[in-house]
Amino acid sequence: MPKTEISFGNSDKIYHLFAYFLLTITWLISFYKKEKLKYIVLFACIIYGIIIEVLQESLTLYRTGDYKDVLANVLGSVIAFIVFVQIFKKFNVN
């Protein structure tokens, strides 16, 4: 029977998504009383994720930037934003 290898090469994308979900949701909860800041928090977390990947590519010899990591970071932040907005809308927290 031939051996079939299973590759988990992109499994770190789940970690990226989860880390940026936690980063974004934490900041959103921290500033939940400031309605206008929620968009700034989302934007800042997305920009932060992009900058980190660019710096990994340009300033280190042992790390590489990856557009898939950026996509996972953005997706984690966007999911956190959606969850936050839906929870606070449901409970009408101001």
C-alpha atoms as a PDB file:
ATOM      1  CA  MET A   1       0.000   0.000   0.000  1.00  0.00           C
ATOM      2  CA  PRO A   2       1.508   3.383  -0.968  1.00  0.00           C
ATOM      3  CA  LYS A   3       2.160   5.875   1.770  1.00  0.00           C
ATOM      4  CA  THR A   4       0.105   9.026   1.558  1.00  0.00           C
ATOM      5  CA  GLU A   5       1.549  12.080   3.221  1.00  0.00           C
ATOM      6  CA  ILE A   6      -0.787  14.623   4.659  1.00  0.00           C
ATOM      7  CA  SER A   7       0.561  18.144   4.550  1.00  0.00           C
ATOM      8  CA  PHE A   8      -0.267  20.725   7.174  1.00  0.00           C
ATOM      9  CA  GLY A   9       1.844  23.413   5.516  1.00  0.00           C
ATOM     10  CA  ASN A  10      -0.780  26.100   5.893  1.00  0.00           C
ATOM     11  CA  SER A  11      -1.979  25.175   9.378  1.00  0.00           C
ATOM     12  CA  ASP A  12      -0.237  28.237  10.774  1.00  0.00           C
ATOM     13  CA  LYS A  13      -2.875  30.320   8.978  1.00  0.00           C
ATOM     14  CA  ILE A  14      -5.376  29.173  11.618  1.00  0.00           C
ATOM     15  CA  TYR A  15      -3.012  30.514  14.278  1.00  0.00           C
ATOM     16  CA  HIS A  16      -2.751  33.817  12.428  1.00  0.00           C
ATOM     17  CA  LEU A  17      -6.522  34.049  12.127  1.00  0.00           C
ATOM     18  CA  PHE A  18      -7.022  33.233  15.814  1.00  0.00           C
ATOM     19  CA  ALA A  19      -4.287  35.623  16.988  1.00  0.00           C
ATOM     20  CA  TYR A  20      -5.724  38.546  15.020  1.00  0.00           C
ATOM     21  CA  PHE A  21      -9.231  37.649  16.129  1.00  0.00           C
ATOM     22  CA  LEU A  22      -8.057  37.888  19.753  1.00  0.00           C
ATOM     23  CA  LEU A  23      -6.049  41.062  19.112  1.00  0.00           C
ATOM     24  CA  THR A  24      -8.980  42.817  17.456  1.00  0.00           C
ATOM     25  CA  ILE A  25     -11.718  41.641  19.812  1.00  0.00           C
ATOM     26  CA  THR A  26      -9.617  42.630  22.831  1.00  0.00           C
ATOM     27  CA  TRP A  27      -9.103  46.158  21.513  1.00  0.00           C
ATOM     28  CA  LEU A  28     -12.745  46.458  20.500  1.00  0.00           C
ATOM     29  CA  ILE A  29     -13.896  45.433  23.968  1.00  0.00           C
ATOM     30  CA  SER A  30     -11.415  47.865  25.511  1.00  0.00           C
ATOM     31  CA  PHE A  31     -12.969  50.761  23.598  1.00  0.00           C
ATOM     32  CA  TYR A  32     -16.571  49.555  23.410  1.00  0.00           C
ATOM     33  CA  LYS A  33     -17.978  52.839  24.764  1.00  0.00           C
ATOM     34  CA  LYS A  34     -16.326  54.844  22.010  1.00  0.00           C
ATOM     35  CA  GLU A  35     -18.482  54.012  18.972  1.00  0.00           C
ATOM     36  CA  LYS A  36     -16.304  55.789  16.391  1.00  0.00           C
ATOM     37  CA  LEU A  37     -13.129  54.001  17.482  1.00  0.00           C
ATOM     38  CA  LYS A  38     -14.309  50.556  16.404  1.00  0.00           C
ATOM     39  CA  TYR A  39     -13.458  51.318  12.763  1.00  0.00           C
ATOM     40  CA  ILE A  40     -10.087  52.741  13.741  1.00  0.00           C
ATOM     41  CA  VAL A  41      -9.350  49.610  15.779  1.00  0.00           C
ATOM     42  CA  LEU A  42     -10.214  47.383  12.817  1.00  0.00           C
ATOM     43  CA  PHE A  43      -8.103  49.473  10.443  1.00  0.00           C
ATOM     44  CA  ALA A  44      -5.158  49.592  12.877  1.00  0.00           C
ATOM     45  CA  CYS A  45      -5.159  45.817  13.399  1.00  0.00           C
ATOM     46  CA  ILE A  46      -5.228  45.188   9.649  1.00  0.00           C
ATOM     47  CA  ILE A  47      -2.417  47.671   8.986  1.00  0.00           C
ATOM     48  CA  TYR A  48      -0.404  46.177  11.857  1.00  0.00           C
ATOM     49  CA  GLY A  49      -0.675  42.703  10.314  1.00  0.00           C
ATOM     50  CA  ILE A  50       0.477  43.999   6.938  1.00  0.00           C
ATOM     51  CA  ILE A  51       3.409  45.911   8.425  1.00  0.00           C
ATOM     52  CA  ILE A  52       4.578  42.877  10.410  1.00  0.00           C
ATOM     53  CA  GLU A  53       4.643  40.722   7.269  1.00  0.00           C
ATOM     54  CA  VAL A  54       6.499  43.375   5.263  1.00  0.00           C
ATOM     55  CA  LEU A  55       9.061  43.809   8.040  1.00  0.00           C
ATOM     56  CA  GLN A  56       9.578  40.043   8.293  1.00  0.00           C
ATOM     57  CA  GLU A  57      10.378  39.951   4.607  1.00  0.00           C
ATOM     58  CA  SER A  58      12.612  43.008   4.511  1.00  0.00           C
ATOM     59  CA  LEU A  59      14.428  43.067   7.862  1.00  0.00           C
ATOM     60  CA  THR A  60      15.093  39.444   8.735  1.00  0.00           C
ATOM     61  CA  LEU A  61      17.090  36.702   7.120  1.00  0.00           C
ATOM     62  CA  TYR A  62      15.259  33.835   8.806  1.00  0.00           C
ATOM     63  CA  ARG A  63      11.612  34.882   8.324  1.00  0.00           C
ATOM     64  CA  THR A  64       9.605  35.486   5.183  1.00  0.00           C
ATOM     65  CA  GLY A  65       6.546  37.565   4.558  1.00  0.00           C
ATOM     66  CA  ASP A  66       3.539  35.735   3.207  1.00  0.00           C
ATOM     67  CA  TYR A  67       0.448  37.197   1.588  1.00  0.00           C
ATOM     68  CA  LYS A  68      -1.541  34.230   2.924  1.00  0.00           C
ATOM     69  CA  ASP A  69      -0.569  35.280   6.441  1.00  0.00           C
ATOM     70  CA  VAL A  70      -1.833  38.776   5.660  1.00  0.00           C
ATOM     71  CA  LEU A  71      -5.126  37.329   4.414  1.00  0.00           C
ATOM     72  CA  ALA A  72      -5.481  35.195   7.541  1.00  0.00           C
ATOM     73  CA  ASN A  73      -4.715  38.223   9.725  1.00  0.00           C
ATOM     74  CA  VAL A  74      -7.290  40.348   7.913  1.00  0.00           C
ATOM     75  CA  LEU A  75      -9.890  37.589   8.082  1.00  0.00           C
ATOM     76  CA  GLY A  76      -9.332  37.170  11.832  1.00  0.00           C
ATOM     77  CA  SER A  77      -9.757  40.913  12.381  1.00  0.00           C
ATOM     78  CA  VAL A  78     -12.873  41.114  10.213  1.00  0.00           C
ATOM     79  CA  ILE A  79     -14.484  38.117  11.942  1.00  0.00           C
ATOM     80  CA  ALA A  80     -13.760  39.702  15.339  1.00  0.00           C
ATOM     81  CA  PHE A  81     -15.306  42.968  14.146  1.00  0.00           C
ATOM     82  CA  ILE A  82     -18.444  41.208  12.916  1.00  0.00           C
ATOM     83  CA  VAL A  83     -18.769  39.178  16.127  1.00  0.00           C
ATOM     84  CA  PHE A  84     -18.276  42.298  18.239  1.00  0.00           C
ATOM     85  CA  VAL A  85     -20.851  44.335  16.304  1.00  0.00           C
ATOM     86  CA  GLN A  86     -23.419  41.521  16.387  1.00  0.00           C
ATOM     87  CA  ILE A  87     -23.014  40.880  20.115  1.00  0.00           C
ATOM     88  CA  PHE A  88     -23.241  44.535  21.021  1.00  0.00           C
ATOM     89  CA  LYS A  89     -26.207  45.037  18.694  1.00  0.00           C
ATOM     90  CA  LYS A  90     -28.027  42.060  20.217  1.00  0.00           C
ATOM     91  CA  PHE A  91     -27.503  43.250  23.783  1.00  0.00           C
ATOM     92  CA  ASN A  92     -27.790  46.938  22.839  1.00  0.00           C
ATOM     93  CA  VAL A  93     -24.752  47.787  24.948  1.00  0.00           C
ATOM     94  CA  ASN A  94     -23.772  51.449  24.905  1.00  0.00           C
END
